Amino acid sequence: MSATPARTLDRLGRPLGDLRISVTDRCNFRCVYCMPREVFGPDFEFLSRSELLSFEEIRRLARIFIGLGVDKIRLTGGEPLLRKEIGQLVEMLSSLDGLDDLTMTTNASLLARKAQALRAAGLQRITVSLDALDDNVFRRMSDVKVPVATVLAGIRGAAEAGLHPVKVNMVVKRGANEDQILPLAEYFRGSGHILRFIEFMDVGNSNGWRMADVVTAREIRDRIDERWSLEPLDPNYTGEVASRYRYRDGAGEIGIIASVTRPFCSTCTRARLTANGEFFTCLFSGRGHDLRGALREGASDAELADRIRSVWQGRVDRYSELRSEATVPLPKVEMSRIGG
């Protein structure tokens, strides 16, 4: 059994514990809060294959991050299921010593036919993005013609494969889909899955974020509590981003992620690696740290570890705690590059 690595702490005492790896910057959806079509249109220049980290490079960097304290990895995108042979990467990562949790976030449009293979390769859990139950609202949010039934089939397929409970994330934007809060809550009550509501955030530079468009966590909770009585639950672990509630009638639980109105920067343990090997220390960062260049120039594992450790130890990010009219327009990496 390998020894537990020493914790790597940033300047605010937050340990490095969670690594989110974007495996592609491409997506087959054009969600209004992430990849609006007017920006990510047919002429948008995505990363070339040679710019992407190879699976071997991803595994090597993941192993080094684990040596610095990471015990959870989440695969993101773009849409991770668009990356060819993604199951091979899952298998390569699942065998790493010291990794306790290997998960993925997906729009589930391709999940129904891939869930069994992902589970067999070693994926442990999965999170699905679903912003509406009504097809018309869903189409307005995702800006594609994929029906809700396809996403629901992916969720069923994941559960049948053993990726259970499935977490389902709904980004709530005022004037767009807040009327879907109760229908989604009703659909997933008693399903064994965990529905989580996310306040609309100012990630990236393309989604036209305004505070007026945020449906607050309190409003979301009150709407649901008025229909089905809720009671709070303790966090599953230190640093959990979702506030947990359970239905008093025993029909399961929900989560609410309130990074706008109730920031959780003080317990954030998340590092992010883009598909082209940039290391970011915050979802709202404007600048990353190039690991691919060092890796391809022949840096040793020790040199890469020193670089990662140095960046994390200098980390002071707390964007959501500082958010103001002055910080909102600052340049930020796009969600499609950094993952959720």
C-alpha atoms as a PDB file:
ATOM      1  CA  MET A   1       0.000   0.000   0.000  1.00  0.00           C
ATOM      2  CA  SER A   2       1.407   3.400  -0.981  1.00  0.00           C
ATOM      3  CA  ALA A   3       1.922   6.034   1.687  1.00  0.00           C
ATOM      4  CA  THR A   4      -0.571   8.878   1.936  1.00  0.00           C
ATOM      5  CA  PRO A   5       1.027  11.940   0.290  1.00  0.00           C
ATOM      6  CA  ALA A   6       1.649  15.056   2.339  1.00  0.00           C
ATOM      7  CA  ARG A   7      -1.011  17.698   1.807  1.00  0.00           C
ATOM      8  CA  THR A   8      -0.093  20.596  -0.447  1.00  0.00           C
ATOM      9  CA  LEU A   9      -1.580  23.796   1.006  1.00  0.00           C
ATOM     10  CA  ASP A  10      -2.174  27.151  -0.649  1.00  0.00           C
ATOM     11  CA  ARG A  11      -1.561  30.493   1.072  1.00  0.00           C
ATOM     12  CA  LEU A  12      -5.012  30.372   2.667  1.00  0.00           C
ATOM     13  CA  GLY A  13      -4.462  26.878   4.062  1.00  0.00           C
ATOM     14  CA  ARG A  14      -6.628  25.074   1.478  1.00  0.00           C
ATOM     15  CA  PRO A  15      -5.321  21.635   0.464  1.00  0.00           C
ATOM     16  CA  LEU A  16      -4.993  20.402  -3.102  1.00  0.00           C
ATOM     17  CA  GLY A  17      -7.482  17.540  -3.220  1.00  0.00           C
ATOM     18  CA  ASP A  18      -9.628  17.560  -6.361  1.00  0.00           C
ATOM     19  CA  LEU A  19      -8.437  17.641  -9.993  1.00  0.00           C
ATOM     20  CA  ARG A  20     -10.807  18.397 -12.871  1.00  0.00           C
ATOM     21  CA  ILE A  21      -9.421  17.390 -16.245  1.00  0.00           C
ATOM     22  CA  SER A  22     -10.928  18.755 -19.450  1.00  0.00           C
ATOM     23  CA  VAL A  23     -10.296  16.196 -22.189  1.00  0.00           C
ATOM     24  CA  THR A  24     -11.654  18.305 -25.075  1.00  0.00           C
ATOM     25  CA  ASP A  25     -12.786  21.873 -25.688  1.00  0.00           C
ATOM     26  CA  ARG A  26     -15.432  20.687 -28.171  1.00  0.00           C
ATOM     27  CA  CYS A  27     -19.095  20.166 -27.385  1.00  0.00           C
ATOM     28  CA  ASN A  28     -22.167  19.134 -29.381  1.00  0.00           C
ATOM     29  CA  PHE A  29     -24.363  21.518 -27.344  1.00  0.00           C
ATOM     30  CA  ARG A  30     -24.368  25.319 -27.448  1.00  0.00           C
ATOM     31  CA  CYS A  31     -25.719  26.109 -23.998  1.00  0.00           C
ATOM     32  CA  VAL A  32     -26.427  29.810 -23.536  1.00  0.00           C
ATOM     33  CA  TYR A  33     -24.438  30.039 -20.281  1.00  0.00           C
ATOM     34  CA  CYS A  34     -21.361  28.198 -21.573  1.00  0.00           C
ATOM     35  CA  MET A  35     -20.892  28.069 -25.364  1.00  0.00           C
ATOM     36  CA  PRO A  36     -23.368  30.501 -26.964  1.00  0.00           C
ATOM     37  CA  ARG A  37     -23.636  29.870 -30.692  1.00  0.00           C
ATOM     38  CA  GLU A  38     -22.964  33.502 -31.597  1.00  0.00           C
ATOM     39  CA  VAL A  39     -19.456  33.066 -30.168  1.00  0.00           C
ATOM     40  CA  PHE A  40     -18.838  29.344 -30.748  1.00  0.00           C
ATOM     41  CA  GLY A  41     -20.130  29.235 -34.317  1.00  0.00           C
ATOM     42  CA  PRO A  42     -18.917  27.310 -37.376  1.00  0.00           C
ATOM     43  CA  ASP A  43     -15.839  29.529 -37.705  1.00  0.00           C
ATOM     44  CA  PHE A  44     -14.688  29.104 -34.114  1.00  0.00           C
ATOM     45  CA  GLU A  45     -11.197  27.617 -33.943  1.00  0.00           C
ATOM     46  CA  PHE A  46     -11.025  24.688 -31.531  1.00  0.00           C
ATOM     47  CA  LEU A  47      -7.829  22.986 -30.405  1.00  0.00           C
ATOM     48  CA  SER A  48      -6.129  20.749 -32.944  1.00  0.00           C
ATOM     49  CA  ARG A  49      -5.412  17.117 -32.102  1.00  0.00           C
ATOM     50  CA  SER A  50      -1.699  17.845 -31.642  1.00  0.00           C
ATOM     51  CA  GLU A  51      -2.502  20.534 -29.072  1.00  0.00           C
ATOM     52  CA  LEU A  52      -4.510  18.134 -26.903  1.00  0.00           C
ATOM     53  CA  LEU A  53      -2.799  16.244 -24.128  1.00  0.00           C
ATOM     54  CA  SER A  54      -2.483  12.575 -25.057  1.00  0.00           C
ATOM     55  CA  PHE A  55      -3.950   9.981 -22.726  1.00  0.00           C
ATOM     56  CA  GLU A  56      -0.432   9.058 -21.632  1.00  0.00           C
ATOM     57  CA  GLU A  57       0.306  12.707 -20.823  1.00  0.00           C
ATOM     58  CA  ILE A  58      -2.952  13.050 -18.888  1.00  0.00           C
ATOM     59  CA  ARG A  59      -2.201   9.911 -16.877  1.00  0.00           C
ATOM     60  CA  ARG A  60       1.304  11.072 -16.082  1.00  0.00           C
ATOM     61  CA  LEU A  61       0.132  14.476 -14.866  1.00  0.00           C
ATOM     62  CA  ALA A  62      -2.715  12.875 -12.905  1.00  0.00           C
ATOM     63  CA  ARG A  63      -0.241  10.588 -11.153  1.00  0.00           C
ATOM     64  CA  ILE A  64       1.916  13.577 -10.212  1.00  0.00           C
ATOM     65  CA  PHE A  65      -1.121  15.481  -8.888  1.00  0.00           C
ATOM     66  CA  ILE A  66      -2.070  12.429  -6.799  1.00  0.00           C
ATOM     67  CA  GLY A  67       1.419  12.496  -5.327  1.00  0.00           C
ATOM     68  CA  LEU A  68       0.685  16.065  -4.187  1.00  0.00           C
ATOM     69  CA  GLY A  69      -2.558  15.151  -2.439  1.00  0.00           C
ATOM     70  CA  VAL A  70      -5.261  14.797  -5.096  1.00  0.00           C
ATOM     71  CA  ASP A  71      -7.575  11.858  -4.385  1.00  0.00           C
ATOM     72  CA  LYS A  72     -10.500  12.733  -6.668  1.00  0.00           C
ATOM     73  CA  ILE A  73     -10.471  13.266 -10.440  1.00  0.00           C
ATOM     74  CA  ARG A  74     -13.393  14.457 -12.542  1.00  0.00           C
ATOM     75  CA  LEU A  75     -13.280  14.262 -16.353  1.00  0.00           C
ATOM     76  CA  THR A  76     -14.933  17.219 -18.064  1.00  0.00           C
ATOM     77  CA  GLY A  77     -14.939  19.097 -21.348  1.00  0.00           C
ATOM     78  CA  GLY A  78     -16.373  20.503 -23.494  1.00  0.00           C
ATOM     79  CA  GLU A  79     -18.257  17.248 -23.729  1.00  0.00           C
ATOM     80  CA  PRO A  80     -15.908  14.463 -22.595  1.00  0.00           C
ATOM     81  CA  LEU A  81     -17.765  11.709 -24.443  1.00  0.00           C
ATOM     82  CA  LEU A  82     -16.742  13.365 -27.729  1.00  0.00           C
ATOM     83  CA  ARG A  83     -13.100  12.440 -27.047  1.00  0.00           C
ATOM     84  CA  LYS A  84     -12.340   9.271 -29.008  1.00  0.00           C
ATOM     85  CA  GLU A  85     -11.625   6.156 -26.932  1.00  0.00           C
ATOM     86  CA  ILE A  86     -12.488   7.970 -23.710  1.00  0.00           C
ATOM     87  CA  GLY A  87     -13.005   4.593 -22.023  1.00  0.00           C
ATOM     88  CA  GLN A  88      -9.312   3.874 -22.523  1.00  0.00           C
ATOM     89  CA  LEU A  89      -8.413   6.998 -20.556  1.00  0.00           C
ATOM     90  CA  VAL A  90     -10.858   6.028 -17.797  1.00  0.00           C
ATOM     91  CA  GLU A  91      -9.166   2.635 -17.545  1.00  0.00           C
ATOM     92  CA  MET A  92      -5.708   4.225 -17.455  1.00  0.00           C
ATOM     93  CA  LEU A  93      -6.709   6.578 -14.644  1.00  0.00           C
ATOM     94  CA  SER A  94      -8.727   4.097 -12.607  1.00  0.00           C
ATOM     95  CA  SER A  95      -5.616   1.994 -12.005  1.00  0.00           C
ATOM     96  CA  LEU A  96      -3.667   4.834 -10.356  1.00  0.00           C
ATOM     97  CA  ASP A  97      -2.659   4.203  -6.737  1.00  0.00           C
ATOM     98  CA  GLY A  98      -4.086   6.768  -4.345  1.00  0.00           C
ATOM     99  CA  LEU A  99      -7.090   7.739  -6.472  1.00  0.00           C
ATOM    100  CA  ASP A 100     -10.266   7.237  -4.439  1.00  0.00           C
ATOM    101  CA  ASP A 101     -12.884   8.724  -6.756  1.00  0.00           C
ATOM    102  CA  LEU A 102     -13.036   8.886 -10.569  1.00  0.00           C
ATOM    103  CA  THR A 103     -16.040  10.732 -11.965  1.00  0.00           C
ATOM    104  CA  MET A 104     -17.273  12.481 -15.112  1.00  0.00           C
ATOM    105  CA  THR A 105     -19.590  15.365 -16.020  1.00  0.00           C
ATOM    106  CA  THR A 106     -21.497  14.985 -19.307  1.00  0.00           C
ATOM    107  CA  ASN A 107     -24.518  16.317 -21.184  1.00  0.00           C
ATOM    108  CA  ALA A 108     -25.529  12.622 -21.564  1.00  0.00           C
ATOM    109  CA  SER A 109     -26.398  12.890 -25.247  1.00  0.00           C
ATOM    110  CA  LEU A 110     -24.058   9.936 -25.922  1.00  0.00           C
ATOM    111  CA  LEU A 111     -24.259   8.297 -22.510  1.00  0.00           C
ATOM    112  CA  ALA A 112     -26.895   5.608 -23.033  1.00  0.00           C
ATOM    113  CA  ARG A 113     -24.665   3.607 -25.361  1.00  0.00           C
ATOM    114  CA  LYS A 114     -21.408   4.290 -23.495  1.00  0.00           C
ATOM    115  CA  ALA A 115     -22.363   3.915 -19.835  1.00  0.00           C
ATOM    116  CA  GLN A 116     -21.696   0.167 -19.528  1.00  0.00           C
ATOM    117  CA  ALA A 117     -18.240   0.468 -21.079  1.00  0.00           C
ATOM    118  CA  LEU A 118     -17.350   3.447 -18.879  1.00  0.00           C
ATOM    119  CA  ARG A 119     -18.347   1.550 -15.748  1.00  0.00           C
ATOM    120  CA  ALA A 120     -16.397  -1.514 -16.874  1.00  0.00           C
ATOM    121  CA  ALA A 121     -13.353   0.712 -17.455  1.00  0.00           C
ATOM    122  CA  GLY A 122     -13.465   1.931 -13.865  1.00  0.00           C
ATOM    123  CA  LEU A 123     -15.621   5.067 -13.815  1.00  0.00           C
ATOM    124  CA  GLN A 124     -17.259   5.264 -10.397  1.00  0.00           C
ATOM    125  CA  ARG A 125     -19.814   8.059 -10.637  1.00  0.00           C
ATOM    126  CA  ILE A 126     -21.308  10.419 -13.187  1.00  0.00           C
ATOM    127  CA  THR A 127     -22.937  13.850 -13.205  1.00  0.00           C
ATOM    128  CA  VAL A 128     -25.382  14.823 -15.948  1.00  0.00           C
ATOM    129  CA  SER A 129     -26.281  18.372 -16.988  1.00  0.00           C
ATOM    130  CA  LEU A 130     -30.024  18.842 -17.553  1.00  0.00           C
ATOM    131  CA  ASP A 131     -31.480  22.346 -17.466  1.00  0.00           C
ATOM    132  CA  ALA A 132     -35.136  21.621 -18.236  1.00  0.00           C
ATOM    133  CA  LEU A 133     -37.658  18.809 -18.488  1.00  0.00           C
ATOM    134  CA  ASP A 134     -39.742  20.570 -21.113  1.00  0.00           C
ATOM    135  CA  ASP A 135     -38.325  20.055 -24.623  1.00  0.00           C
ATOM    136  CA  ASN A 136     -38.913  23.633 -25.746  1.00  0.00           C
ATOM    137  CA  VAL A 137     -37.196  25.137 -22.720  1.00  0.00           C
ATOM    138  CA  PHE A 138     -34.386  22.592 -22.958  1.00  0.00           C
ATOM    139  CA  ARG A 139     -33.861  23.476 -26.610  1.00  0.00           C
ATOM    140  CA  ARG A 140     -33.644  27.182 -25.752  1.00  0.00           C
ATOM    141  CA  MET A 141     -31.059  26.468 -23.071  1.00  0.00           C
ATOM    142  CA  SER A 142     -28.929  23.970 -25.030  1.00  0.00           C
ATOM    143  CA  ASP A 143     -29.526  25.451 -28.513  1.00  0.00           C
ATOM    144  CA  VAL A 144     -29.555  21.989 -30.120  1.00  0.00           C
ATOM    145  CA  LYS A 145     -32.287  19.632 -31.279  1.00  0.00           C
ATOM    146  CA  VAL A 146     -31.380  16.819 -28.890  1.00  0.00           C
ATOM    147  CA  PRO A 147     -34.614  15.892 -27.038  1.00  0.00           C
ATOM    148  CA  VAL A 148     -34.814  15.614 -23.254  1.00  0.00           C
ATOM    149  CA  ALA A 149     -35.687  11.931 -23.740  1.00  0.00           C
ATOM    150  CA  THR A 150     -32.120  11.297 -24.948  1.00  0.00           C
ATOM    151  CA  VAL A 151     -30.657  12.748 -21.753  1.00  0.00           C
ATOM    152  CA  LEU A 152     -33.114  10.811 -19.587  1.00  0.00           C
ATOM    153  CA  ALA A 153     -32.167   7.621 -21.441  1.00  0.00           C
ATOM    154  CA  GLY A 154     -28.524   8.364 -20.639  1.00  0.00           C
ATOM    155  CA  ILE A 155     -29.364   8.756 -16.960  1.00  0.00           C
ATOM    156  CA  ARG A 156     -31.231   5.441 -16.968  1.00  0.00           C
ATOM    157  CA  GLY A 157     -28.339   3.769 -18.770  1.00  0.00           C
ATOM    158  CA  ALA A 158     -25.852   5.108 -16.243  1.00  0.00           C
ATOM    159  CA  ALA A 159     -27.931   3.838 -13.334  1.00  0.00           C
ATOM    160  CA  GLU A 160     -28.333   0.421 -14.935  1.00  0.00           C
ATOM    161  CA  ALA A 161     -24.570   0.257 -15.461  1.00  0.00           C
ATOM    162  CA  GLY A 162     -23.976   0.863 -11.763  1.00  0.00           C
ATOM    163  CA  LEU A 163     -23.051   4.561 -11.934  1.00  0.00           C
ATOM    164  CA  HIS A 164     -25.538   5.220  -9.174  1.00  0.00           C
ATOM    165  CA  PRO A 165     -26.714   7.530  -7.743  1.00  0.00           C
ATOM    166  CA  VAL A 166     -26.493   9.830 -10.757  1.00  0.00           C
ATOM    167  CA  LYS A 167     -26.119  13.508  -9.916  1.00  0.00           C
ATOM    168  CA  VAL A 168     -28.157  15.786 -12.178  1.00  0.00           C
ATOM    169  CA  ASN A 169     -27.138  19.457 -12.438  1.00  0.00           C
ATOM    170  CA  MET A 170     -29.565  22.207 -13.431  1.00  0.00           C
ATOM    171  CA  VAL A 171     -28.171  25.707 -14.063  1.00  0.00           C
ATOM    172  CA  VAL A 172     -30.997  28.117 -13.248  1.00  0.00           C
ATOM    173  CA  LYS A 173     -31.213  31.383 -15.196  1.00  0.00           C
ATOM    174  CA  ARG A 174     -33.968  33.894 -14.567  1.00  0.00           C
ATOM    175  CA  GLY A 175     -36.234  34.455 -17.517  1.00  0.00           C
ATOM    176  CA  ALA A 176     -34.961  31.288 -19.188  1.00  0.00           C
ATOM    177  CA  ASN A 177     -35.731  28.139 -17.207  1.00  0.00           C
ATOM    178  CA  GLU A 178     -36.698  28.907 -13.612  1.00  0.00           C
ATOM    179  CA  ASP A 179     -40.158  27.503 -14.353  1.00  0.00           C
ATOM    180  CA  GLN A 180     -38.479  24.085 -14.634  1.00  0.00           C
ATOM    181  CA  ILE A 181     -37.336  23.939 -10.991  1.00  0.00           C
ATOM    182  CA  LEU A 182     -40.459  22.201  -9.716  1.00  0.00           C
ATOM    183  CA  PRO A 183     -40.978  19.877 -12.721  1.00  0.00           C
ATOM    184  CA  LEU A 184     -37.406  18.599 -12.419  1.00  0.00           C
ATOM    185  CA  ALA A 185     -37.701  18.251  -8.660  1.00  0.00           C
ATOM    186  CA  GLU A 186     -40.920  16.255  -9.087  1.00  0.00           C
ATOM    187  CA  TYR A 187     -39.401  14.028 -11.771  1.00  0.00           C
ATOM    188  CA  PHE A 188     -36.369  13.045  -9.702  1.00  0.00           C
ATOM    189  CA  ARG A 189     -38.125  12.768  -6.328  1.00  0.00           C
ATOM    190  CA  GLY A 190     -37.971   9.143  -5.277  1.00  0.00           C
ATOM    191  CA  SER A 191     -35.639   8.196  -8.150  1.00  0.00           C
ATOM    192  CA  GLY A 192     -32.583   7.657  -5.972  1.00  0.00           C
ATOM    193  CA  HIS A 193     -30.721  10.261  -8.033  1.00  0.00           C
ATOM    194  CA  ILE A 194     -29.583  13.607  -6.626  1.00  0.00           C
ATOM    195  CA  LEU A 195     -30.808  16.748  -8.372  1.00  0.00           C
ATOM    196  CA  ARG A 196     -28.635  19.809  -7.816  1.00  0.00           C
ATOM    197  CA  PHE A 197     -29.540  23.391  -8.693  1.00  0.00           C
ATOM    198  CA  ILE A 198     -26.728  25.798  -9.640  1.00  0.00           C
ATOM    199  CA  GLU A 199     -26.916  29.578  -9.521  1.00  0.00           C
ATOM    200  CA  PHE A 200     -26.125  31.140 -12.913  1.00  0.00           C
ATOM    201  CA  MET A 201     -22.439  32.157 -12.739  1.00  0.00           C
ATOM    202  CA  ASP A 202     -20.201  34.592 -14.581  1.00  0.00           C
ATOM    203  CA  VAL A 203     -17.825  31.920 -15.867  1.00  0.00           C
ATOM    204  CA  GLY A 204     -15.896  32.946 -18.977  1.00  0.00           C
ATOM    205  CA  ASN A 205     -16.496  36.030 -21.082  1.00  0.00           C
ATOM    206  CA  SER A 206     -19.322  34.951 -23.380  1.00  0.00           C
ATOM    207  CA  ASN A 207     -22.522  34.366 -21.442  1.00  0.00           C
ATOM    208  CA  GLY A 208     -23.634  37.971 -20.806  1.00  0.00           C
ATOM    209  CA  TRP A 209     -23.923  37.394 -17.048  1.00  0.00           C
ATOM    210  CA  ARG A 210     -25.928  39.856 -14.949  1.00  0.00           C
ATOM    211  CA  MET A 211     -26.801  39.583 -11.272  1.00  0.00           C
ATOM    212  CA  ALA A 212     -30.426  40.201 -12.267  1.00  0.00           C
ATOM    213  CA  ASP A 213     -30.381  36.832 -14.079  1.00  0.00           C
ATOM    214  CA  VAL A 214     -29.430  34.891 -10.936  1.00  0.00           C
ATOM    215  CA  VAL A 215     -32.198  32.893  -9.282  1.00  0.00           C
ATOM    216  CA  THR A 216     -30.774  32.711  -5.780  1.00  0.00           C
ATOM    217  CA  ALA A 217     -30.265  29.575  -3.734  1.00  0.00           C
ATOM    218  CA  ARG A 218     -32.730  30.860  -1.170  1.00  0.00           C
ATOM    219  CA  GLU A 219     -35.404  31.384  -3.821  1.00  0.00           C
ATOM    220  CA  ILE A 220     -34.802  27.907  -5.241  1.00  0.00           C
ATOM    221  CA  ARG A 221     -34.999  26.303  -1.808  1.00  0.00           C
ATOM    222  CA  ASP A 222     -38.141  28.245  -0.876  1.00  0.00           C
ATOM    223  CA  ARG A 223     -39.945  27.266  -4.090  1.00  0.00           C
ATOM    224  CA  ILE A 224     -39.282  23.587  -3.481  1.00  0.00           C
ATOM    225  CA  ASP A 225     -39.911  23.762   0.275  1.00  0.00           C
ATOM    226  CA  GLU A 226     -43.307  25.360  -0.331  1.00  0.00           C
ATOM    227  CA  ARG A 227     -44.305  22.333  -2.437  1.00  0.00           C
ATOM    228  CA  TRP A 228     -42.456  19.553  -0.588  1.00  0.00           C
ATOM    229  CA  SER A 229     -41.108  20.263   2.891  1.00  0.00           C
ATOM    230  CA  LEU A 230     -37.304  20.187   3.129  1.00  0.00           C
ATOM    231  CA  GLU A 231     -34.813  19.862   5.963  1.00  0.00           C
ATOM    232  CA  PRO A 232     -31.071  20.577   5.811  1.00  0.00           C
ATOM    233  CA  LEU A 233     -28.447  17.834   5.816  1.00  0.00           C
ATOM    234  CA  ASP A 234     -24.837  17.986   6.963  1.00  0.00           C
ATOM    235  CA  PRO A 235     -22.149  18.035   4.245  1.00  0.00           C
ATOM    236  CA  ASN A 236     -20.799  14.661   3.135  1.00  0.00           C
ATOM    237  CA  TYR A 237     -17.249  16.001   3.418  1.00  0.00           C
ATOM    238  CA  THR A 238     -15.311  19.204   4.083  1.00  0.00           C
ATOM    239  CA  GLY A 239     -15.389  21.406   1.008  1.00  0.00           C
ATOM    240  CA  GLU A 240     -18.594  19.995  -0.509  1.00  0.00           C
ATOM    241  CA  VAL A 241     -19.950  22.760  -2.732  1.00  0.00           C
ATOM    242  CA  ALA A 242     -23.643  21.871  -2.610  1.00  0.00           C
ATOM    243  CA  SER A 243     -25.826  22.656   0.376  1.00  0.00           C
ATOM    244  CA  ARG A 244     -27.797  19.450   0.960  1.00  0.00           C
ATOM    245  CA  TYR A 245     -31.482  19.108   1.788  1.00  0.00           C
ATOM    246  CA  ARG A 246     -33.751  16.096   2.080  1.00  0.00           C
ATOM    247  CA  TYR A 247     -37.468  15.798   1.583  1.00  0.00           C
ATOM    248  CA  ARG A 248     -39.167  15.289   4.920  1.00  0.00           C
ATOM    249  CA  ASP A 249     -41.414  12.662   3.337  1.00  0.00           C
ATOM    250  CA  GLY A 250     -38.382  10.478   2.570  1.00  0.00           C
ATOM    251  CA  ALA A 251     -38.336  11.008  -1.215  1.00  0.00           C
ATOM    252  CA  GLY A 252     -34.597  11.637  -1.395  1.00  0.00           C
ATOM    253  CA  GLU A 253     -32.362  14.689  -1.381  1.00  0.00           C
ATOM    254  CA  ILE A 254     -31.434  17.720  -3.469  1.00  0.00           C
ATOM    255  CA  GLY A 255     -28.419  20.024  -3.511  1.00  0.00           C
ATOM    256  CA  ILE A 256     -28.104  23.747  -4.184  1.00  0.00           C
ATOM    257  CA  ILE A 257     -24.804  25.255  -5.347  1.00  0.00           C
ATOM    258  CA  ALA A 258     -24.747  28.958  -4.429  1.00  0.00           C
ATOM    259  CA  SER A 259     -21.373  30.224  -5.602  1.00  0.00           C
ATOM    260  CA  VAL A 260     -22.813  33.697  -6.269  1.00  0.00           C
ATOM    261  CA  THR A 261     -24.845  34.402  -3.127  1.00  0.00           C
ATOM    262  CA  ARG A 262     -23.026  32.084  -0.665  1.00  0.00           C
ATOM    263  CA  PRO A 263     -19.430  31.654  -1.904  1.00  0.00           C
ATOM    264  CA  PHE A 264     -17.478  28.619  -0.755  1.00  0.00           C
ATOM    265  CA  CYS A 265     -13.997  29.839  -1.704  1.00  0.00           C
ATOM    266  CA  SER A 266     -12.695  29.274   1.836  1.00  0.00           C
ATOM    267  CA  THR A 267     -12.940  25.483   1.453  1.00  0.00           C
ATOM    268  CA  CYS A 268     -12.172  25.124  -2.271  1.00  0.00           C
ATOM    269  CA  THR A 269      -9.693  22.324  -2.982  1.00  0.00           C
ATOM    270  CA  ARG A 270     -10.107  22.187  -6.784  1.00  0.00           C
ATOM    271  CA  ALA A 271      -7.405  22.376  -9.408  1.00  0.00           C
ATOM    272  CA  ARG A 272      -8.203  22.328 -13.114  1.00  0.00           C
ATOM    273  CA  LEU A 273      -6.273  21.033 -16.109  1.00  0.00           C
ATOM    274  CA  THR A 274      -7.361  22.092 -19.595  1.00  0.00           C
ATOM    275  CA  ALA A 275      -7.321  19.840 -22.632  1.00  0.00           C
ATOM    276  CA  ASN A 276      -4.106  21.499 -23.838  1.00  0.00           C
ATOM    277  CA  GLY A 277      -2.338  21.181 -20.500  1.00  0.00           C
ATOM    278  CA  GLU A 278      -2.876  24.501 -18.750  1.00  0.00           C
ATOM    279  CA  PHE A 279      -3.143  24.323 -14.967  1.00  0.00           C
ATOM    280  CA  PHE A 280      -5.723  26.680 -13.425  1.00  0.00           C
ATOM    281  CA  THR A 281      -6.265  27.245  -9.713  1.00  0.00           C
ATOM    282  CA  CYS A 282      -9.763  28.759  -9.955  1.00  0.00           C
ATOM    283  CA  LEU A 283     -12.829  28.409 -12.167  1.00  0.00           C
ATOM    284  CA  PHE A 284     -12.704  32.189 -12.669  1.00  0.00           C
ATOM    285  CA  SER A 285      -8.980  32.477 -13.439  1.00  0.00           C
ATOM    286  CA  GLY A 286      -7.787  34.664 -16.263  1.00  0.00           C
ATOM    287  CA  ARG A 287      -4.408  32.962 -16.624  1.00  0.00           C
ATOM    288  CA  GLY A 288      -3.248  29.365 -16.531  1.00  0.00           C
ATOM    289  CA  HIS A 289       0.158  27.738 -16.080  1.00  0.00           C
ATOM    290  CA  ASP A 290       1.501  25.700 -18.988  1.00  0.00           C
ATOM    291  CA  LEU A 291       2.346  22.117 -18.038  1.00  0.00           C
ATOM    292  CA  ARG A 292       2.232  20.658 -21.543  1.00  0.00           C
ATOM    293  CA  GLY A 293       5.249  22.650 -22.679  1.00  0.00           C
ATOM    294  CA  ALA A 294       7.373  21.485 -19.768  1.00  0.00           C
ATOM    295  CA  LEU A 295       6.148  17.918 -20.177  1.00  0.00           C
ATOM    296  CA  ARG A 296       6.980  17.794 -23.901  1.00  0.00           C
ATOM    297  CA  GLU A 297      10.341  19.474 -23.353  1.00  0.00           C
ATOM    298  CA  GLY A 298      11.397  16.549 -21.180  1.00  0.00           C
ATOM    299  CA  ALA A 299      10.745  17.757 -17.637  1.00  0.00           C
ATOM    300  CA  SER A 300      11.077  15.025 -15.030  1.00  0.00           C
ATOM    301  CA  ASP A 301       8.258  14.020 -12.704  1.00  0.00           C
ATOM    302  CA  ALA A 302      10.052  15.819  -9.864  1.00  0.00           C
ATOM    303  CA  GLU A 303      10.340  19.016 -11.923  1.00  0.00           C
ATOM    304  CA  LEU A 304       6.658  18.881 -12.891  1.00  0.00           C
ATOM    305  CA  ALA A 305       5.681  18.232  -9.272  1.00  0.00           C
ATOM    306  CA  ASP A 306       7.769  21.199  -8.136  1.00  0.00           C
ATOM    307  CA  ARG A 307       6.064  23.443 -10.682  1.00  0.00           C
ATOM    308  CA  ILE A 308       2.562  22.319  -9.649  1.00  0.00           C
ATOM    309  CA  ARG A 309       3.399  22.588  -5.948  1.00  0.00           C
ATOM    310  CA  SER A 310       4.822  26.085  -6.384  1.00  0.00           C
ATOM    311  CA  VAL A 311       1.716  27.313  -8.209  1.00  0.00           C
ATOM    312  CA  TRP A 312      -0.657  25.834  -5.640  1.00  0.00           C
ATOM    313  CA  GLN A 313       1.354  27.114  -2.678  1.00  0.00           C
ATOM    314  CA  GLY A 314       1.090  30.633  -4.116  1.00  0.00           C
ATOM    315  CA  ARG A 315      -2.669  30.356  -4.655  1.00  0.00           C
ATOM    316  CA  VAL A 316      -4.850  33.078  -3.107  1.00  0.00           C
ATOM    317  CA  ASP A 317      -7.926  32.795  -5.384  1.00  0.00           C
ATOM    318  CA  ARG A 318     -11.297  33.713  -3.895  1.00  0.00           C
ATOM    319  CA  TYR A 319     -13.112  35.287  -6.821  1.00  0.00           C
ATOM    320  CA  SER A 320     -16.647  34.522  -5.658  1.00  0.00           C
ATOM    321  CA  GLU A 321     -16.014  36.155  -2.284  1.00  0.00           C
ATOM    322  CA  LEU A 322     -14.716  39.288  -4.027  1.00  0.00           C
ATOM    323  CA  ARG A 323     -17.256  39.398  -6.888  1.00  0.00           C
ATOM    324  CA  SER A 324     -18.352  42.966  -7.661  1.00  0.00           C
ATOM    325  CA  GLU A 325     -19.119  45.206 -10.616  1.00  0.00           C
ATOM    326  CA  ALA A 326     -15.351  45.629 -10.972  1.00  0.00           C
ATOM    327  CA  THR A 327     -14.468  41.920 -11.019  1.00  0.00           C
ATOM    328  CA  VAL A 328     -17.263  40.636 -13.268  1.00  0.00           C
ATOM    329  CA  PRO A 329     -15.806  41.971 -16.566  1.00  0.00           C
ATOM    330  CA  LEU A 330     -12.251  40.764 -15.851  1.00  0.00           C
ATOM    331  CA  PRO A 331     -10.945  38.306 -18.483  1.00  0.00           C
ATOM    332  CA  LYS A 332     -11.672  34.715 -17.485  1.00  0.00           C
ATOM    333  CA  VAL A 333     -11.012  31.341 -19.098  1.00  0.00           C
ATOM    334  CA  GLU A 334     -14.043  29.974 -20.950  1.00  0.00           C
ATOM    335  CA  MET A 335     -15.998  27.167 -19.283  1.00  0.00           C
ATOM    336  CA  SER A 336     -15.645  25.055 -22.445  1.00  0.00           C
ATOM    337  CA  ARG A 337     -11.878  25.008 -21.892  1.00  0.00           C
ATOM    338  CA  ILE A 338     -11.736  24.567 -18.145  1.00  0.00           C
ATOM    339  CA  GLY A 339     -14.759  22.386 -17.451  1.00  0.00           C
ATOM    340  CA  GLY A 340     -17.359  22.987 -14.759  1.00  0.00           C
END
